[in-house]
Amino acid sequence: MSTLQGRIDQTIANVADFPKPGIQYKDITPLFLDAELSNDIVDAFVEKAKGKIDAVCGIESRGFLYGIQIAQKLGVPFILVRKAGKLPPPTVSQSYDLEYGQATIEVNETYIKNDMRILVHDDVLATGGTAEACAKLVEKCGGKVTQFSFIVNLEFLNGSDKLTSFTQDIVSLTTY
């Protein structure tokens, strides 16, 4: 039987020139077609987070897909981090830079308690801007990021460089 990383690598689709020419897009959506692989992915994240976290923050939208399952298996709350304007008040927001422009994410500020240990989960770690913004939101609410988790780390984009000031515990199941 091949490794979990090998199974993930065999399942992720490579899409040339998407979303623009010269980009080799890593499409994770085929992972969801394989229930056994999806269960194994969640179990791998759960094993790496056991005893280290009090809640999971999932980043909209693909961070919701496995993030809520991780939280449920660990028996901890799942906290949605959404694009600005999608959550009812009271919220706290954090803006961050994109390749061209800015984006803002928000969280309900009452859901993260002082000193709560948070796992920030998303599908892909690219430049790290979104995960960094989420970690800043956690800190604004009094929590502490104790782990980040991603299915894929696009290592050549050095996204983890933005995250190590929050925690060294950065989990990815495969790297390109």
Protein backbone atom coordinates (compact mmCIF):
# COMPACT_ATOMS: atom_id res chain seq x y z
CA MET A 1 0.00 0.00 0.00
CA SER A 2 1.36 3.43 -0.88
CA THR A 3 1.85 6.21 1.62
CA LEU A 4 -0.81 8.81 2.36
CA GLN A 5 1.34 11.41 0.62
CA GLY A 6 1.64 9.19 -2.45
CA ARG A 7 -2.11 8.63 -2.56
CA ILE A 8 -2.74 12.38 -2.27
CA ASP A 9 -0.18 13.14 -4.99
CA GLN A 10 -1.76 10.57 -7.32
CA THR A 11 -5.23 12.03 -6.76
CA ILE A 12 -4.58 15.78 -6.98
CA ALA A 13 -5.11 16.99 -10.54
CA ASN A 14 -2.60 19.27 -12.25
CA VAL A 15 -4.32 21.90 -14.37
CA ALA A 16 -2.02 23.78 -16.74
CA ASP A 17 -2.45 27.52 -17.32
CA PHE A 18 -5.13 27.99 -14.65
CA PRO A 19 -6.21 30.50 -13.45
CA LYS A 20 -3.84 32.23 -15.87
CA PRO A 21 -1.10 31.24 -18.32
CA GLY A 22 2.07 29.88 -16.71
CA ILE A 23 0.35 28.65 -13.53
CA GLN A 24 0.31 24.91 -12.74
CA TYR A 25 -2.83 24.70 -10.56
CA LYS A 26 -3.07 21.92 -7.97
CA ASP A 27 -6.75 20.91 -7.92
CA ILE A 28 -7.59 19.19 -4.63
CA THR A 29 -11.25 18.57 -5.49
CA PRO A 30 -10.66 14.98 -6.71
CA LEU A 31 -9.69 14.12 -3.11
CA PHE A 32 -13.34 14.48 -2.11
CA LEU A 33 -14.37 11.76 -4.58
CA ASP A 34 -12.49 9.15 -2.53
CA ALA A 35 -14.18 8.67 0.85
CA GLU A 36 -11.46 6.38 2.20
CA LEU A 37 -8.68 8.79 1.25
CA SER A 38 -10.63 11.71 2.73
CA ASN A 39 -11.06 9.80 6.00
CA ASP A 40 -7.34 9.03 6.05
CA ILE A 41 -6.52 12.72 5.46
CA VAL A 42 -8.72 13.79 8.38
CA ASP A 43 -7.23 11.06 10.59
CA ALA A 44 -3.70 12.24 9.76
CA PHE A 45 -4.55 15.82 10.74
CA VAL A 46 -6.29 14.63 13.91
CA GLU A 47 -3.26 12.55 14.93
CA LYS A 48 -0.95 15.56 14.53
CA ALA A 49 -3.26 17.90 16.49
CA LYS A 50 -4.24 15.67 19.45
CA GLY A 51 -3.66 17.39 22.76
CA LYS A 52 -2.35 20.57 21.12
CA ILE A 53 -5.52 22.52 20.37
CA ASP A 54 -8.78 23.76 21.90
CA ALA A 55 -10.51 24.73 18.62
CA VAL A 56 -10.12 24.67 14.83
CA CYS A 57 -10.39 27.83 12.71
CA GLY A 58 -11.25 26.89 9.13
CA ILE A 59 -10.59 29.47 6.43
CA GLU A 60 -13.33 30.04 3.83
CA SER A 61 -14.12 28.07 1.89
CA ARG A 62 -11.99 25.00 1.35
CA GLY A 63 -10.67 25.14 4.90
CA PHE A 64 -14.21 24.26 5.99
CA LEU A 65 -14.25 20.93 4.16
CA TYR A 66 -11.78 18.98 6.30
CA GLY A 67 -11.57 21.54 9.11
CA ILE A 68 -14.98 20.77 10.53
CA GLN A 69 -14.27 17.04 10.38
CA ILE A 70 -10.98 17.53 12.25
CA ALA A 71 -12.79 19.51 14.95
CA GLN A 72 -15.55 16.92 15.27
CA LYS A 73 -13.12 14.01 15.60
CA LEU A 74 -11.14 15.92 18.23
CA GLY A 75 -14.30 16.99 20.06
CA VAL A 76 -13.44 20.69 19.86
CA PRO A 77 -15.29 23.73 18.44
CA PHE A 78 -15.07 24.64 14.77
CA ILE A 79 -14.81 28.38 14.13
CA LEU A 80 -15.54 29.81 10.68
CA VAL A 81 -13.20 32.45 9.29
CA ARG A 82 -15.01 34.11 6.39
CA LYS A 83 -14.64 36.83 3.82
CA ALA A 84 -15.67 40.28 5.05
CA GLY A 85 -19.40 40.86 5.32
CA LYS A 86 -20.41 37.17 5.47
CA LEU A 87 -20.73 36.83 9.27
CA PRO A 88 -23.18 38.64 11.54
CA PRO A 89 -21.72 40.89 14.24
CA PRO A 90 -19.82 41.05 16.45
CA THR A 91 -16.83 40.42 14.21
CA VAL A 92 -13.20 41.39 14.09
CA SER A 93 -11.45 41.74 10.74
CA GLN A 94 -7.98 41.51 9.28
CA SER A 95 -6.91 42.73 5.85
CA TYR A 96 -4.02 41.27 3.89
CA ASP A 97 -2.32 41.76 0.55
CA LEU A 98 -3.07 39.72 -2.55
CA GLU A 99 -1.06 39.66 -5.75
CA TYR A 100 -3.13 42.60 -6.99
CA GLY A 101 -5.02 44.37 -4.23
CA GLN A 102 -6.24 43.42 -0.77
CA ALA A 103 -8.71 41.06 0.87
CA THR A 104 -10.28 41.01 4.33
CA ILE A 105 -11.36 38.08 6.50
CA GLU A 106 -13.45 38.10 9.66
CA VAL A 107 -14.31 35.95 12.65
CA ASN A 108 -16.97 36.26 15.34
CA GLU A 109 -14.89 37.72 18.15
CA THR A 110 -16.88 35.95 20.89
CA TYR A 111 -15.95 32.47 19.67
CA ILE A 112 -12.22 32.66 20.45
CA LYS A 113 -11.54 32.83 24.18
CA ASN A 114 -8.43 34.18 25.93
CA ASP A 115 -5.52 31.74 25.73
CA MET A 116 -7.49 29.32 23.53
CA ARG A 117 -5.10 27.11 21.54
CA ILE A 118 -6.10 27.30 17.88
CA LEU A 119 -5.41 25.15 14.84
CA VAL A 120 -5.67 27.22 11.65
CA HIS A 121 -6.68 24.93 8.79
CA ASP A 122 -6.83 25.57 5.05
CA ASP A 123 -6.41 23.51 1.91
CA VAL A 124 -3.24 24.96 0.38
CA LEU A 125 -0.35 26.98 1.78
CA ALA A 126 0.84 29.25 -1.02
CA THR A 127 2.24 32.69 -0.12
CA GLY A 128 0.91 32.43 3.44
CA GLY A 129 -1.03 35.69 3.42
CA THR A 130 -4.45 34.26 4.26
CA ALA A 131 -3.17 31.96 7.02
CA GLU A 132 -1.12 34.81 8.48
CA ALA A 133 -4.20 37.08 8.48
CA CYS A 134 -6.17 34.34 10.24
CA ALA A 135 -3.45 33.98 12.88
CA LYS A 136 -3.57 37.74 13.47
CA LEU A 137 -7.35 37.49 13.93
CA VAL A 138 -6.85 34.74 16.50
CA GLU A 139 -4.39 36.93 18.41
CA LYS A 140 -6.73 39.96 18.26
CA CYS A 141 -9.35 37.82 20.00
CA GLY A 142 -6.92 36.67 22.71
CA GLY A 143 -6.19 33.20 21.33
CA LYS A 144 -2.89 31.60 20.35
CA VAL A 145 -2.18 29.68 17.15
CA THR A 146 -0.49 26.44 18.17
CA GLN A 147 -0.68 24.70 14.80
CA PHE A 148 -1.35 25.32 11.11
CA SER A 149 -2.48 22.49 8.83
CA PHE A 150 -2.72 22.26 5.05
CA ILE A 151 -3.23 19.45 2.57
CA VAL A 152 -0.65 20.98 0.21
CA ASN A 153 2.34 23.25 0.79
CA LEU A 154 3.58 25.02 -2.35
CA GLU A 155 7.01 25.24 -0.77
CA PHE A 156 8.61 27.29 -3.57
CA LEU A 157 6.34 30.23 -2.59
CA ASN A 158 7.82 30.30 0.96
CA GLY A 159 4.46 30.76 2.67
CA SER A 160 5.66 29.14 5.88
CA ASP A 161 8.06 32.06 6.37
CA LYS A 162 5.05 34.22 7.31
CA LEU A 163 3.76 31.66 9.81
CA THR A 164 6.75 30.63 11.91
CA SER A 165 6.45 33.69 14.15
CA PHE A 166 3.13 32.24 15.37
CA THR A 167 4.23 28.59 15.70
CA GLN A 168 6.79 26.20 14.28
CA ASP A 169 4.11 23.50 14.10
CA ILE A 170 3.12 23.71 10.44
CA VAL A 171 1.63 20.48 9.09
CA SER A 172 1.24 19.70 5.41
CA LEU A 173 0.47 16.28 3.99
CA THR A 174 2.24 16.86 0.69
CA THR A 175 4.65 19.43 -0.72
CA TYR A 176 5.35 20.73 -4.22
